[in-house]
Amino acid sequence: MPFDAPALLIALALAASGAVLLALGARALWRRKLGAGSALVLSGVLLLALGALVGTLDAATRGYHALTREEVAARVRVEPAGEQRFLATFRFPGGASSSFRLAGDELYVDAHILKWKPFVNLLGLHTAYELDRVAGRYSGLRDEREAPRTVFSLAGERRVDLFSLRRRFPVLDFLVDAEYGSATFVVATRPSSYELRVSTSGLLVRPVSAPGAD
């Protein structure tokens, strides 16, 4: 997860502090202390809004992985299954695995990568990534235009996604330093094993030759 536990504590502390200030402000207003009451209410609303923002970011980044260096996003085994057909089996670091029957000559994978503003790092958010799609890719342009297409999702289902929020609400520009997609593809015409790696510069694929490494 790109969000660290301290960030969640910050969100809870902000919300709790905001609620306390709102209660104190309401009490002051009830006693006709308009100046002090208004200041407390405004401060409480601000803290609640900040807490809600941190909580929303937490929900929106679920499924993303914190990225501080190059790391293995998945190990992939490719097995040909006929002419311009192959089976790609992904094994992820957490132990889950998924297989996809794809059409084409090459295995194509893309991902979303998010880079935060430096001040957001103080809240526990770091550069994060999420694998997005896997597809079959044809080496010939004519086949790419006319032959059957096979595309599957690698991303998990979620109610709130930061990429969608970022595109819908430009106000989030002040949080995100960069957002970009990265893609890579490798030949799939022979049995092969690969490591799908991701770094702050994007995706890359490295062949694995050691037995059992896939």
N, C-alpha and C. Protein backbone atom coordinates (compact mmCIF):
# COMPACT_ATOMS: atom_id res chain seq x y z
N MET A 1 0.84 -1.20 0.00
CA MET A 1 0.00 0.00 0.00
C MET A 1 0.87 1.25 0.00
N PRO A 2 0.54 2.26 -0.81
CA PRO A 2 1.32 3.48 -0.82
C PRO A 2 1.11 4.35 0.40
N PHE A 3 0.05 4.09 1.15
CA PHE A 3 -0.22 4.86 2.35
C PHE A 3 0.39 4.15 3.53
N ASP A 4 1.18 4.85 4.36
CA ASP A 4 1.74 4.27 5.57
C ASP A 4 0.78 4.46 6.72
N ALA A 5 0.93 3.61 7.77
CA ALA A 5 0.07 3.70 8.94
C ALA A 5 0.07 5.09 9.57
N PRO A 6 1.23 5.77 9.69
CA PRO A 6 1.20 7.12 10.26
C PRO A 6 0.25 8.07 9.55
N ALA A 7 0.11 7.92 8.24
CA ALA A 7 -0.80 8.80 7.50
C ALA A 7 -2.24 8.57 7.93
N LEU A 8 -2.60 7.33 8.18
CA LEU A 8 -3.95 7.04 8.64
C LEU A 8 -4.19 7.64 10.02
N LEU A 9 -3.17 7.58 10.86
CA LEU A 9 -3.29 8.19 12.19
C LEU A 9 -3.46 9.70 12.07
N ILE A 10 -2.77 10.29 11.09
CA ILE A 10 -2.90 11.73 10.86
C ILE A 10 -4.34 12.06 10.46
N ALA A 11 -4.91 11.25 9.57
CA ALA A 11 -6.29 11.48 9.12
C ALA A 11 -7.26 11.41 10.30
N LEU A 12 -7.09 10.39 11.15
CA LEU A 12 -7.97 10.25 12.31
C LEU A 12 -7.78 11.40 13.29
N ALA A 13 -6.52 11.80 13.48
CA ALA A 13 -6.24 12.90 14.42
C ALA A 13 -6.85 14.21 13.91
N LEU A 14 -6.74 14.44 12.60
CA LEU A 14 -7.32 15.66 12.03
C LEU A 14 -8.84 15.66 12.20
N ALA A 15 -9.47 14.52 11.91
CA ALA A 15 -10.92 14.44 12.04
C ALA A 15 -11.36 14.63 13.49
N ALA A 16 -10.65 13.98 14.40
CA ALA A 16 -11.02 14.09 15.82
C ALA A 16 -10.83 15.52 16.32
N SER A 17 -9.72 16.14 15.94
CA SER A 17 -9.47 17.51 16.36
C SER A 17 -10.52 18.45 15.77
N GLY A 18 -10.89 18.22 14.51
CA GLY A 18 -11.91 19.05 13.89
C GLY A 18 -13.25 18.92 14.59
N ALA A 19 -13.61 17.71 14.99
CA ALA A 19 -14.87 17.50 15.69
C ALA A 19 -14.88 18.21 17.04
N VAL A 20 -13.75 18.16 17.75
CA VAL A 20 -13.65 18.83 19.05
C VAL A 20 -13.78 20.35 18.89
N LEU A 21 -13.10 20.90 17.89
CA LEU A 21 -13.17 22.34 17.66
C LEU A 21 -14.58 22.78 17.25
N LEU A 22 -15.25 21.95 16.46
CA LEU A 22 -16.62 22.26 16.09
C LEU A 22 -17.53 22.29 17.31
N ALA A 23 -17.34 21.32 18.20
CA ALA A 23 -18.16 21.28 19.41
C ALA A 23 -17.89 22.50 20.29
N LEU A 24 -16.62 22.85 20.42
CA LEU A 24 -16.27 24.03 21.23
C LEU A 24 -16.82 25.30 20.59
N GLY A 25 -16.74 25.38 19.25
CA GLY A 25 -17.24 26.54 18.56
C GLY A 25 -18.75 26.69 18.70
N ALA A 26 -19.46 25.55 18.58
CA ALA A 26 -20.91 25.60 18.75
C ALA A 26 -21.28 26.05 20.16
N ARG A 27 -20.51 25.57 21.12
CA ARG A 27 -20.76 25.97 22.52
C ARG A 27 -20.53 27.47 22.70
N ALA A 28 -19.45 27.98 22.09
CA ALA A 28 -19.15 29.40 22.21
C ALA A 28 -20.23 30.25 21.54
N LEU A 29 -20.70 29.79 20.37
CA LEU A 29 -21.77 30.52 19.69
C LEU A 29 -23.06 30.50 20.51
N TRP A 30 -23.33 29.40 21.15
CA TRP A 30 -24.52 29.30 22.01
C TRP A 30 -24.45 30.32 23.15
N ARG A 31 -23.23 30.59 23.60
CA ARG A 31 -23.04 31.56 24.67
C ARG A 31 -22.84 32.98 24.12
N ARG A 32 -23.11 33.15 22.84
CA ARG A 32 -23.04 34.44 22.16
C ARG A 32 -21.61 35.00 22.07
N LYS A 33 -20.63 34.15 22.09
CA LYS A 33 -19.25 34.57 21.87
C LYS A 33 -18.96 34.39 20.37
N LEU A 34 -19.45 35.36 19.60
CA LEU A 34 -19.45 35.20 18.15
C LEU A 34 -18.05 35.11 17.55
N GLY A 35 -17.14 35.95 18.01
CA GLY A 35 -15.79 35.95 17.45
C GLY A 35 -15.07 34.64 17.68
N ALA A 36 -14.99 34.24 18.95
CA ALA A 36 -14.29 33.01 19.29
C ALA A 36 -15.01 31.80 18.69
N GLY A 37 -16.33 31.81 18.75
CA GLY A 37 -17.10 30.69 18.22
C GLY A 37 -16.90 30.51 16.73
N SER A 38 -16.94 31.60 15.99
CA SER A 38 -16.75 31.52 14.54
C SER A 38 -15.38 31.00 14.19
N ALA A 39 -14.35 31.47 14.91
CA ALA A 39 -12.98 31.02 14.64
C ALA A 39 -12.84 29.52 14.92
N LEU A 40 -13.44 29.05 16.00
CA LEU A 40 -13.37 27.63 16.33
C LEU A 40 -14.10 26.78 15.30
N VAL A 41 -15.26 27.25 14.86
CA VAL A 41 -16.02 26.50 13.87
C VAL A 41 -15.27 26.41 12.55
N LEU A 42 -14.70 27.54 12.11
CA LEU A 42 -13.95 27.53 10.85
C LEU A 42 -12.72 26.61 10.94
N SER A 43 -12.04 26.67 12.09
CA SER A 43 -10.87 25.80 12.28
C SER A 43 -11.29 24.33 12.28
N GLY A 44 -12.43 24.04 12.92
CA GLY A 44 -12.91 22.67 12.95
C GLY A 44 -13.27 22.15 11.57
N VAL A 45 -13.94 23.01 10.78
CA VAL A 45 -14.31 22.62 9.42
C VAL A 45 -13.07 22.35 8.59
N LEU A 46 -12.04 23.19 8.74
CA LEU A 46 -10.80 23.02 7.99
C LEU A 46 -10.13 21.70 8.34
N LEU A 47 -10.05 21.39 9.64
CA LEU A 47 -9.41 20.14 10.04
C LEU A 47 -10.20 18.92 9.57
N LEU A 48 -11.53 19.02 9.63
CA LEU A 48 -12.34 17.91 9.13
C LEU A 48 -12.14 17.72 7.63
N ALA A 49 -12.03 18.83 6.89
CA ALA A 49 -11.81 18.74 5.45
C ALA A 49 -10.46 18.09 5.14
N LEU A 50 -9.43 18.47 5.91
CA LEU A 50 -8.11 17.88 5.70
C LEU A 50 -8.13 16.39 6.03
N GLY A 51 -8.82 16.03 7.11
CA GLY A 51 -8.93 14.63 7.46
C GLY A 51 -9.67 13.84 6.39
N ALA A 52 -10.73 14.44 5.83
CA ALA A 52 -11.48 13.77 4.76
C ALA A 52 -10.62 13.61 3.51
N LEU A 53 -9.77 14.61 3.22
CA LEU A 53 -8.89 14.53 2.06
C LEU A 53 -7.92 13.37 2.20
N VAL A 54 -7.30 13.27 3.37
CA VAL A 54 -6.35 12.18 3.60
C VAL A 54 -7.06 10.83 3.52
N GLY A 55 -8.26 10.75 4.09
CA GLY A 55 -9.02 9.50 4.01
C GLY A 55 -9.41 9.14 2.59
N THR A 56 -9.78 10.14 1.81
CA THR A 56 -10.14 9.90 0.41
C THR A 56 -8.94 9.40 -0.38
N LEU A 57 -7.78 9.99 -0.14
CA LEU A 57 -6.57 9.54 -0.82
C LEU A 57 -6.25 8.10 -0.45
N ASP A 58 -6.46 7.74 0.81
CA ASP A 58 -6.24 6.36 1.24
C ASP A 58 -7.13 5.41 0.46
N ALA A 59 -8.43 5.74 0.37
CA ALA A 59 -9.37 4.87 -0.36
C ALA A 59 -9.03 4.82 -1.84
N ALA A 60 -8.63 5.95 -2.40
CA ALA A 60 -8.38 6.03 -3.84
C ALA A 60 -7.11 5.31 -4.26
N THR A 61 -6.18 5.10 -3.33
CA THR A 61 -4.93 4.44 -3.69
C THR A 61 -4.90 2.98 -3.29
N ARG A 62 -6.00 2.44 -2.81
CA ARG A 62 -6.05 1.01 -2.49
C ARG A 62 -5.85 0.23 -3.79
N GLY A 63 -4.96 -0.76 -3.74
CA GLY A 63 -4.63 -1.52 -4.95
C GLY A 63 -3.35 -1.05 -5.59
N TYR A 64 -2.91 0.16 -5.27
CA TYR A 64 -1.62 0.64 -5.76
C TYR A 64 -0.52 0.16 -4.82
N HIS A 65 0.69 0.11 -5.33
CA HIS A 65 1.82 -0.39 -4.55
C HIS A 65 2.86 0.72 -4.42
N ALA A 66 3.37 0.89 -3.21
CA ALA A 66 4.41 1.89 -3.00
C ALA A 66 5.66 1.51 -3.78
N LEU A 67 6.31 2.49 -4.36
CA LEU A 67 7.48 2.23 -5.20
C LEU A 67 8.60 3.17 -4.79
N THR A 68 9.66 2.61 -4.25
CA THR A 68 10.81 3.42 -3.88
C THR A 68 12.06 3.00 -4.67
N ARG A 69 11.98 1.89 -5.41
CA ARG A 69 13.10 1.42 -6.21
C ARG A 69 12.54 0.46 -7.26
N GLU A 70 13.42 -0.05 -8.11
CA GLU A 70 12.95 -1.05 -9.07
C GLU A 70 12.56 -2.33 -8.34
N GLU A 71 11.40 -2.86 -8.65
CA GLU A 71 10.96 -4.08 -7.99
C GLU A 71 10.16 -4.95 -8.94
N VAL A 72 10.01 -6.21 -8.58
CA VAL A 72 9.27 -7.16 -9.39
C VAL A 72 7.78 -6.98 -9.16
N ALA A 73 7.04 -6.65 -10.22
CA ALA A 73 5.59 -6.50 -10.12
C ALA A 73 4.89 -7.84 -10.37
N ALA A 74 5.52 -8.72 -11.16
CA ALA A 74 4.94 -10.04 -11.43
C ALA A 74 6.00 -10.89 -12.14
N ARG A 75 5.83 -12.18 -12.02
CA ARG A 75 6.60 -13.13 -12.83
C ARG A 75 5.62 -13.75 -13.83
N VAL A 76 6.05 -13.83 -15.06
CA VAL A 76 5.15 -14.23 -16.13
C VAL A 76 5.74 -15.42 -16.90
N ARG A 77 4.90 -16.42 -17.10
CA ARG A 77 5.27 -17.57 -17.93
C ARG A 77 4.43 -17.55 -19.19
N VAL A 78 5.07 -17.61 -20.35
CA VAL A 78 4.39 -17.58 -21.65
C VAL A 78 4.52 -18.95 -22.31
N GLU A 79 3.38 -19.50 -22.75
CA GLU A 79 3.35 -20.80 -23.42
C GLU A 79 2.55 -20.66 -24.72
N PRO A 80 3.17 -20.90 -25.89
CA PRO A 80 2.41 -20.88 -27.15
C PRO A 80 1.27 -21.89 -27.12
N ALA A 81 0.13 -21.53 -27.72
CA ALA A 81 -1.05 -22.40 -27.73
C ALA A 81 -1.68 -22.43 -29.12
N GLY A 82 -0.84 -22.43 -30.15
CA GLY A 82 -1.34 -22.42 -31.52
C GLY A 82 -0.77 -21.24 -32.28
N GLU A 83 -1.14 -21.13 -33.54
CA GLU A 83 -0.62 -20.03 -34.35
C GLU A 83 -1.17 -18.70 -33.86
N GLN A 84 -0.27 -17.81 -33.50
CA GLN A 84 -0.63 -16.49 -32.96
C GLN A 84 -1.59 -16.60 -31.77
N ARG A 85 -1.37 -17.60 -30.95
CA ARG A 85 -2.13 -17.78 -29.72
C ARG A 85 -1.15 -18.20 -28.63
N PHE A 86 -1.36 -17.70 -27.42
CA PHE A 86 -0.49 -18.11 -26.31
C PHE A 86 -1.19 -17.91 -24.98
N LEU A 87 -0.68 -18.60 -23.96
CA LEU A 87 -1.19 -18.51 -22.59
C LEU A 87 -0.15 -17.77 -21.76
N ALA A 88 -0.57 -16.73 -21.07
CA ALA A 88 0.31 -15.96 -20.18
C ALA A 88 -0.17 -16.13 -18.75
N THR A 89 0.70 -16.65 -17.90
CA THR A 89 0.37 -16.86 -16.49
C THR A 89 1.18 -15.89 -15.63
N PHE A 90 0.46 -15.05 -14.88
CA PHE A 90 1.08 -14.06 -14.01
C PHE A 90 1.09 -14.59 -12.58
N ARG A 91 2.23 -14.49 -11.93
CA ARG A 91 2.34 -14.79 -10.51
C ARG A 91 2.81 -13.52 -9.80
N PHE A 92 1.98 -13.04 -8.87
CA PHE A 92 2.24 -11.76 -8.22
C PHE A 92 2.95 -11.97 -6.88
N PRO A 93 3.65 -10.95 -6.39
CA PRO A 93 4.42 -11.08 -5.14
C PRO A 93 3.59 -11.55 -3.95
N GLY A 94 2.31 -11.20 -3.90
CA GLY A 94 1.49 -11.61 -2.77
C GLY A 94 1.06 -13.06 -2.80
N GLY A 95 1.36 -13.78 -3.89
CA GLY A 95 1.01 -15.19 -4.00
C GLY A 95 -0.13 -15.47 -4.95
N ALA A 96 -0.87 -14.45 -5.38
CA ALA A 96 -1.98 -14.65 -6.31
C ALA A 96 -1.44 -14.91 -7.72
N SER A 97 -2.25 -15.57 -8.52
CA SER A 97 -1.86 -15.83 -9.90
C SER A 97 -3.08 -15.72 -10.81
N SER A 98 -2.86 -15.38 -12.07
CA SER A 98 -3.92 -15.27 -13.06
C SER A 98 -3.36 -15.70 -14.40
N SER A 99 -4.21 -16.36 -15.21
CA SER A 99 -3.81 -16.80 -16.54
C SER A 99 -4.72 -16.18 -17.59
N PHE A 100 -4.15 -15.86 -18.74
CA PHE A 100 -4.89 -15.20 -19.81
C PHE A 100 -4.55 -15.86 -21.14
N ARG A 101 -5.58 -16.20 -21.92
CA ARG A 101 -5.38 -16.71 -23.28
C ARG A 101 -5.43 -15.53 -24.23
N LEU A 102 -4.33 -15.31 -24.93
CA LEU A 102 -4.17 -14.10 -25.73
C LEU A 102 -3.87 -14.45 -27.18
N ALA A 103 -4.25 -13.53 -28.06
CA ALA A 103 -3.99 -13.66 -29.49
C ALA A 103 -2.92 -12.66 -29.89
N GLY A 104 -1.94 -13.11 -30.66
CA GLY A 104 -0.89 -12.22 -31.12
C GLY A 104 0.46 -12.90 -31.12
N ASP A 105 1.49 -12.12 -31.39
CA ASP A 105 2.86 -12.62 -31.42
C ASP A 105 3.65 -12.16 -30.20
N GLU A 106 3.10 -11.19 -29.46
CA GLU A 106 3.84 -10.58 -28.35
C GLU A 106 2.91 -10.36 -27.15
N LEU A 107 3.50 -10.39 -25.99
CA LEU A 107 2.79 -10.09 -24.75
C LEU A 107 2.95 -8.60 -24.45
N TYR A 108 1.82 -7.91 -24.24
CA TYR A 108 1.81 -6.47 -23.97
C TYR A 108 1.24 -6.25 -22.57
N VAL A 109 1.90 -5.41 -21.76
CA VAL A 109 1.42 -5.07 -20.42
C VAL A 109 1.60 -3.57 -20.21
N ASP A 110 0.59 -2.91 -19.59
CA ASP A 110 0.78 -1.50 -19.24
C ASP A 110 0.38 -1.25 -17.79
N ALA A 111 0.73 -0.08 -17.30
CA ALA A 111 0.53 0.25 -15.89
C ALA A 111 0.28 1.73 -15.71
N HIS A 112 -0.31 2.10 -14.58
CA HIS A 112 -0.45 3.48 -14.13
C HIS A 112 0.64 3.77 -13.10
N ILE A 113 1.25 4.92 -13.19
CA ILE A 113 2.27 5.33 -12.21
C ILE A 113 1.94 6.73 -11.73
N LEU A 114 1.98 6.92 -10.42
CA LEU A 114 1.67 8.20 -9.79
C LEU A 114 2.88 8.70 -9.00
N LYS A 115 3.23 9.94 -9.22
CA LYS A 115 4.31 10.56 -8.47
C LYS A 115 3.75 11.78 -7.74
N TRP A 116 3.97 11.86 -6.43
CA TRP A 116 3.36 12.90 -5.61
C TRP A 116 4.28 14.11 -5.44
N LYS A 117 3.68 15.23 -5.10
CA LYS A 117 4.45 16.41 -4.73
C LYS A 117 5.25 16.10 -3.46
N PRO A 118 6.42 16.71 -3.29
CA PRO A 118 7.25 16.41 -2.12
C PRO A 118 6.52 16.59 -0.79
N PHE A 119 5.68 17.61 -0.65
CA PHE A 119 5.03 17.83 0.64
C PHE A 119 4.04 16.72 0.96
N VAL A 120 3.50 16.05 -0.08
CA VAL A 120 2.57 14.95 0.16
C VAL A 120 3.30 13.73 0.71
N ASN A 121 4.61 13.61 0.39
CA ASN A 121 5.39 12.50 0.93
C ASN A 121 5.41 12.52 2.46
N LEU A 122 5.27 13.73 3.03
CA LEU A 122 5.27 13.83 4.49
C LEU A 122 4.06 13.15 5.11
N LEU A 123 2.99 12.97 4.31
CA LEU A 123 1.79 12.28 4.80
C LEU A 123 1.90 10.77 4.64
N GLY A 124 3.04 10.30 4.10
CA GLY A 124 3.23 8.87 3.94
C GLY A 124 2.96 8.35 2.54
N LEU A 125 2.68 9.23 1.59
CA LEU A 125 2.44 8.81 0.21
C LEU A 125 3.74 8.89 -0.59
N HIS A 126 4.01 7.84 -1.35
CA HIS A 126 5.19 7.80 -2.19
C HIS A 126 4.79 7.41 -3.61
N THR A 127 5.74 7.48 -4.52
CA THR A 127 5.46 7.07 -5.89
C THR A 127 4.80 5.69 -5.86
N ALA A 128 3.71 5.53 -6.62
CA ALA A 128 2.94 4.29 -6.57
C ALA A 128 2.62 3.82 -7.98
N TYR A 129 2.36 2.52 -8.11
CA TYR A 129 2.01 1.98 -9.42
C TYR A 129 0.89 0.96 -9.29
N GLU A 130 0.20 0.72 -10.40
CA GLU A 130 -0.79 -0.34 -10.49
C GLU A 130 -0.75 -0.90 -11.90
N LEU A 131 -0.58 -2.21 -12.03
CA LEU A 131 -0.69 -2.84 -13.34
C LEU A 131 -2.11 -2.66 -13.84
N ASP A 132 -2.27 -2.32 -15.11
CA ASP A 132 -3.60 -1.98 -15.63
C ASP A 132 -4.14 -3.03 -16.59
N ARG A 133 -3.43 -3.31 -17.68
CA ARG A 133 -3.96 -4.21 -18.70
C ARG A 133 -2.90 -5.17 -19.22
N VAL A 134 -3.38 -6.31 -19.69
CA VAL A 134 -2.54 -7.25 -20.43
C VAL A 134 -3.24 -7.53 -21.74
N ALA A 135 -2.48 -7.64 -22.81
CA ALA A 135 -3.06 -7.85 -24.13
C ALA A 135 -2.11 -8.63 -25.01
N GLY A 136 -2.66 -9.16 -26.11
CA GLY A 136 -1.82 -9.75 -27.13
C GLY A 136 -1.51 -8.69 -28.18
N ARG A 137 -0.29 -8.67 -28.64
CA ARG A 137 0.14 -7.68 -29.63
C ARG A 137 0.70 -8.41 -30.84
N TYR A 138 0.33 -7.95 -32.03
CA TYR A 138 0.83 -8.54 -33.27
C TYR A 138 2.08 -7.80 -33.73
N SER A 139 3.04 -8.55 -34.25
CA SER A 139 4.26 -7.91 -34.75
C SER A 139 4.02 -7.21 -36.08
N GLY A 140 3.05 -7.69 -36.86
CA GLY A 140 2.74 -7.06 -38.14
C GLY A 140 1.64 -6.03 -38.03
N LEU A 141 1.80 -4.90 -38.69
CA LEU A 141 0.82 -3.82 -38.60
C LEU A 141 -0.54 -4.25 -39.17
N ARG A 142 -0.54 -5.01 -40.24
CA ARG A 142 -1.81 -5.45 -40.83
C ARG A 142 -2.58 -6.34 -39.86
N ASP A 143 -1.88 -7.27 -39.22
CA ASP A 143 -2.53 -8.12 -38.21
C ASP A 143 -3.04 -7.29 -37.05
N GLU A 144 -2.26 -6.30 -36.66
CA GLU A 144 -2.66 -5.44 -35.53
C GLU A 144 -3.96 -4.71 -35.85
N ARG A 145 -4.17 -4.40 -37.11
CA ARG A 145 -5.39 -3.69 -37.52
C ARG A 145 -6.58 -4.63 -37.72
N GLU A 146 -6.33 -5.85 -38.23
CA GLU A 146 -7.43 -6.68 -38.69
C GLU A 146 -7.65 -7.97 -37.89
N ALA A 147 -6.64 -8.48 -37.23
CA ALA A 147 -6.76 -9.76 -36.52
C ALA A 147 -7.49 -9.57 -35.18
N PRO A 148 -7.99 -10.67 -34.60
CA PRO A 148 -8.72 -10.58 -33.32
C PRO A 148 -7.87 -9.93 -32.22
N ARG A 149 -8.54 -9.12 -31.40
CA ARG A 149 -7.87 -8.44 -30.29
C ARG A 149 -8.26 -9.10 -28.97
N THR A 150 -7.31 -9.24 -28.08
CA THR A 150 -7.57 -9.80 -26.75
C THR A 150 -6.95 -8.88 -25.71
N VAL A 151 -7.78 -8.34 -24.83
CA VAL A 151 -7.33 -7.41 -23.79
C VAL A 151 -8.04 -7.76 -22.49
N PHE A 152 -7.28 -7.83 -21.38
CA PHE A 152 -7.85 -8.14 -20.08
C PHE A 152 -7.32 -7.15 -19.04
N SER A 153 -8.11 -6.96 -18.00
CA SER A 153 -7.72 -6.06 -16.92
C SER A 153 -6.83 -6.77 -15.90
N LEU A 154 -5.80 -6.09 -15.44
CA LEU A 154 -4.96 -6.55 -14.34
C LEU A 154 -5.26 -5.78 -13.06
N ALA A 155 -6.05 -4.72 -13.16
CA ALA A 155 -6.34 -3.86 -12.01
C ALA A 155 -7.51 -4.43 -11.22
N GLY A 156 -7.46 -4.26 -9.90
CA GLY A 156 -8.55 -4.70 -9.05
C GLY A 156 -9.72 -3.73 -9.09
N GLU A 157 -10.90 -4.24 -8.78
CA GLU A 157 -12.09 -3.39 -8.73
C GLU A 157 -12.06 -2.53 -7.47
N ARG A 158 -12.48 -1.26 -7.59
CA ARG A 158 -12.57 -0.39 -6.43
C ARG A 158 -13.63 0.67 -6.69
N ARG A 159 -14.21 1.18 -5.62
CA ARG A 159 -15.23 2.20 -5.76
C ARG A 159 -14.63 3.56 -6.10
N VAL A 160 -13.45 3.82 -5.55
CA VAL A 160 -12.80 5.10 -5.78
C VAL A 160 -11.40 4.85 -6.31
N ASP A 161 -11.07 5.49 -7.42
CA ASP A 161 -9.75 5.32 -8.02
C ASP A 161 -9.12 6.69 -8.21
N LEU A 162 -7.87 6.81 -7.81
CA LEU A 162 -7.22 8.12 -7.84
C LEU A 162 -7.03 8.65 -9.25
N PHE A 163 -6.76 7.77 -10.22
CA PHE A 163 -6.61 8.24 -11.59
C PHE A 163 -7.90 8.88 -12.08
N SER A 164 -9.03 8.25 -11.76
CA SER A 164 -10.33 8.81 -12.17
C SER A 164 -10.60 10.12 -11.45
N LEU A 165 -10.29 10.16 -10.15
CA LEU A 165 -10.49 11.41 -9.39
C LEU A 165 -9.63 12.53 -9.95
N ARG A 166 -8.40 12.21 -10.27
CA ARG A 166 -7.46 13.21 -10.77
C ARG A 166 -7.95 13.81 -12.09
N ARG A 167 -8.52 12.97 -12.95
CA ARG A 167 -8.99 13.45 -14.24
C ARG A 167 -10.28 14.24 -14.13
N ARG A 168 -11.11 13.89 -13.15
CA ARG A 168 -12.39 14.57 -12.98
C ARG A 168 -12.26 15.89 -12.23
N PHE A 169 -11.26 15.97 -11.33
CA PHE A 169 -11.13 17.14 -10.47
C PHE A 169 -9.72 17.74 -10.60
N PRO A 170 -9.54 18.72 -11.49
CA PRO A 170 -8.22 19.34 -11.68
C PRO A 170 -7.66 19.97 -10.40
N VAL A 171 -8.52 20.21 -9.40
CA VAL A 171 -8.05 20.81 -8.16
C VAL A 171 -6.99 19.93 -7.49
N LEU A 172 -6.96 18.63 -7.83
CA LEU A 172 -5.98 17.72 -7.24
C LEU A 172 -4.58 17.90 -7.84
N ASP A 173 -4.45 18.83 -8.80
CA ASP A 173 -3.14 19.08 -9.41
C ASP A 173 -2.09 19.42 -8.37
N PHE A 174 -2.48 20.09 -7.31
CA PHE A 174 -1.50 20.53 -6.32
C PHE A 174 -0.93 19.36 -5.53
N LEU A 175 -1.54 18.18 -5.62
CA LEU A 175 -1.06 17.00 -4.90
C LEU A 175 -0.16 16.12 -5.76
N VAL A 176 -0.50 16.02 -7.06
CA VAL A 176 0.17 15.06 -7.95
C VAL A 176 1.24 15.76 -8.76
N ASP A 177 2.47 15.27 -8.64
CA ASP A 177 3.59 15.84 -9.39
C ASP A 177 3.58 15.33 -10.83
N ALA A 178 3.24 14.05 -11.02
CA ALA A 178 3.19 13.47 -12.35
C ALA A 178 2.31 12.23 -12.33
N GLU A 179 1.59 12.02 -13.41
CA GLU A 179 0.83 10.78 -13.62
C GLU A 179 1.06 10.37 -15.05
N TYR A 180 1.37 9.11 -15.24
CA TYR A 180 1.65 8.68 -16.60
C TYR A 180 1.44 7.17 -16.72
N GLY A 181 1.27 6.75 -17.95
CA GLY A 181 1.17 5.34 -18.24
C GLY A 181 2.50 4.84 -18.79
N SER A 182 2.77 3.58 -18.53
CA SER A 182 3.98 2.97 -19.05
C SER A 182 3.62 1.59 -19.59
N ALA A 183 4.20 1.21 -20.71
CA ALA A 183 3.88 -0.07 -21.32
C ALA A 183 5.15 -0.77 -21.82
N THR A 184 5.06 -2.09 -21.93
CA THR A 184 6.18 -2.86 -22.45
C THR A 184 5.62 -4.10 -23.15
N PHE A 185 6.39 -4.67 -24.06
CA PHE A 185 5.95 -5.90 -24.73
C PHE A 185 7.16 -6.75 -25.07
N VAL A 186 6.94 -8.08 -25.11
CA VAL A 186 8.01 -9.04 -25.42
C VAL A 186 7.43 -10.14 -26.31
N VAL A 187 8.31 -10.83 -27.00
CA VAL A 187 7.90 -11.89 -27.91
C VAL A 187 7.24 -13.02 -27.13
N ALA A 188 6.20 -13.64 -27.75
CA ALA A 188 5.47 -14.72 -27.08
C ALA A 188 5.33 -15.93 -27.99
N THR A 189 6.26 -16.11 -28.91
CA THR A 189 6.17 -17.21 -29.88
C THR A 189 6.91 -18.46 -29.43
N ARG A 190 7.51 -18.43 -28.25
CA ARG A 190 8.20 -19.60 -27.71
C ARG A 190 8.02 -19.63 -26.19
N PRO A 191 8.12 -20.81 -25.57
CA PRO A 191 7.99 -20.88 -24.12
C PRO A 191 9.07 -20.03 -23.44
N SER A 192 8.64 -19.12 -22.59
CA SER A 192 9.58 -18.20 -21.96
C SER A 192 9.07 -17.80 -20.58
N SER A 193 10.00 -17.40 -19.73
CA SER A 193 9.66 -16.86 -18.41
C SER A 193 10.29 -15.48 -18.27
N TYR A 194 9.53 -14.57 -17.67
CA TYR A 194 10.00 -13.20 -17.55
C TYR A 194 9.72 -12.66 -16.15
N GLU A 195 10.51 -11.66 -15.79
CA GLU A 195 10.19 -10.82 -14.63
C GLU A 195 9.68 -9.49 -15.16
N LEU A 196 8.47 -9.13 -14.75
CA LEU A 196 7.93 -7.83 -15.09
C LEU A 196 8.31 -6.88 -13.96
N ARG A 197 9.17 -5.92 -14.26
CA ARG A 197 9.69 -5.01 -13.23
C ARG A 197 9.17 -3.60 -13.46
N VAL A 198 9.10 -2.85 -12.36
CA VAL A 198 8.63 -1.47 -12.44
C VAL A 198 9.55 -0.59 -11.61
N SER A 199 9.84 0.58 -12.13
CA SER A 199 10.64 1.58 -11.42
C SER A 199 9.98 2.93 -11.62
N THR A 200 10.56 3.96 -11.06
CA THR A 200 9.98 5.30 -11.22
C THR A 200 10.03 5.77 -12.67
N SER A 201 10.81 5.09 -13.51
CA SER A 201 10.87 5.46 -14.93
C SER A 201 9.94 4.62 -15.79
N GLY A 202 9.30 3.58 -15.21
CA GLY A 202 8.33 2.81 -15.97
C GLY A 202 8.54 1.31 -15.90
N LEU A 203 7.85 0.58 -16.79
CA LEU A 203 7.89 -0.87 -16.83
C LEU A 203 9.04 -1.38 -17.69
N LEU A 204 9.56 -2.55 -17.34
CA LEU A 204 10.51 -3.24 -18.17
C LEU A 204 10.37 -4.73 -17.93
N VAL A 205 10.78 -5.53 -18.89
CA VAL A 205 10.69 -6.99 -18.80
C VAL A 205 12.08 -7.57 -18.94
N ARG A 206 12.39 -8.51 -18.04
CA ARG A 206 13.68 -9.19 -18.11
C ARG A 206 13.44 -10.70 -18.21
N PRO A 207 14.13 -11.38 -19.11
CA PRO A 207 13.96 -12.83 -19.20
C PRO A 207 14.52 -13.53 -17.97
N VAL A 208 13.89 -14.63 -17.61
CA VAL A 208 14.35 -15.46 -16.49
C VAL A 208 14.75 -16.80 -17.05
N SER A 209 16.00 -17.20 -16.79
CA SER A 209 16.49 -18.46 -17.35
C SER A 209 16.65 -19.53 -16.29
N ALA A 210 16.74 -19.12 -15.01
CA ALA A 210 16.97 -20.10 -13.96
C ALA A 210 15.74 -20.97 -13.76
N PRO A 211 15.88 -22.31 -13.64
CA PRO A 211 14.75 -23.21 -13.44
C PRO A 211 13.99 -22.83 -12.18
N GLY A 212 12.65 -22.79 -12.28
CA GLY A 212 11.83 -22.52 -11.12
C GLY A 212 11.73 -21.06 -10.77
N ALA A 213 12.39 -20.16 -11.53
CA ALA A 213 12.37 -18.75 -11.18
C ALA A 213 11.05 -18.10 -11.51
N ASP A 214 10.24 -18.75 -12.39
CA ASP A 214 8.97 -18.15 -12.76
C ASP A 214 7.88 -18.55 -11.79
